[in-house]
Amino acid sequence: MESVINTAQQSDVRTLALLHHDPMRTDGQLDELTQLLCDRRHTGDSNVFFAREGMQLKV
């Protein structure tokens, strides 16, 4: 995930939705990853977040 975020920064991506593929990963674990990976100190000008079940995005 870190490399995807870095690539997004280098490519001036404004919004990046991260997905996970582990069905055993808990909401708590995703919250921890969100705090670690989606903080503006790490993402720069990109809006990085985890897509969640049932979330709807307007593109």
Protein backbone atom coordinates (compact mmCIF):
# COMPACT_ATOMS: atom_id res chain seq x y z
CA MET A 1 0.00 0.00 0.00
CA GLU A 2 2.88 2.33 0.71
CA SER A 3 4.14 2.00 -2.87
CA VAL A 4 0.70 2.78 -4.26
CA ILE A 5 0.53 5.92 -2.11
CA ASN A 6 4.03 6.96 -3.22
CA THR A 7 3.10 6.42 -6.87
CA ALA A 8 -0.08 8.45 -6.38
CA GLN A 9 1.95 11.31 -4.90
CA GLN A 10 4.45 11.25 -7.75
CA SER A 11 1.60 11.22 -10.27
CA ASP A 12 -0.30 14.10 -8.63
CA VAL A 13 -3.32 11.91 -7.90
CA ARG A 14 -5.88 13.94 -5.96
CA THR A 15 -7.97 11.08 -4.52
CA LEU A 16 -6.93 7.48 -3.90
CA ALA A 17 -9.25 4.78 -2.54
CA LEU A 18 -7.36 1.86 -1.06
CA LEU A 19 -8.86 -1.64 -1.03
CA HIS A 20 -7.91 -4.65 1.01
CA HIS A 21 -8.26 -8.27 -0.01
CA ASP A 22 -8.08 -10.07 3.33
CA PRO A 23 -11.62 -10.97 4.47
CA MET A 24 -10.24 -11.77 7.93
CA ARG A 25 -8.99 -8.19 8.42
CA THR A 26 -11.11 -6.49 11.07
CA ASP A 27 -12.55 -2.97 11.08
CA GLY A 28 -10.13 -2.20 13.92
CA GLN A 29 -7.18 -3.27 11.79
CA LEU A 30 -8.42 -1.11 8.93
CA ASP A 31 -8.75 1.82 11.33
CA GLU A 32 -5.12 1.28 12.39
CA LEU A 33 -3.99 1.17 8.75
CA THR A 34 -6.01 4.32 8.06
CA GLN A 35 -4.23 6.17 10.87
CA LEU A 36 -0.87 4.91 9.68
CA LEU A 37 -1.22 5.29 5.91
CA CYS A 38 -3.85 7.98 5.28
CA ASP A 39 -2.38 10.76 7.40
CA ARG A 40 -1.58 13.95 5.45
CA ARG A 41 2.02 13.78 6.72
CA HIS A 42 2.39 10.66 4.55
CA THR A 43 0.01 11.40 1.70
CA GLY A 44 0.87 15.02 0.95
CA ASP A 45 -1.81 16.65 -1.19
CA SER A 46 -3.48 13.34 -2.08
CA ASN A 47 -6.73 12.41 -0.32
CA VAL A 48 -6.10 8.76 0.60
CA PHE A 49 -8.74 6.60 2.28
CA PHE A 50 -9.89 3.00 2.56
CA ALA A 51 -12.99 2.09 0.59
CA ARG A 52 -15.48 0.31 2.84
CA GLU A 53 -18.35 -2.05 2.18
CA GLY A 54 -21.42 -0.14 1.07
CA MET A 55 -19.50 3.06 0.38
CA GLN A 56 -20.58 4.98 -2.68
CA LEU A 57 -18.19 7.27 -4.50
CA LYS A 58 -18.98 9.92 -7.03
CA VAL A 59 -16.47 10.06 -9.90
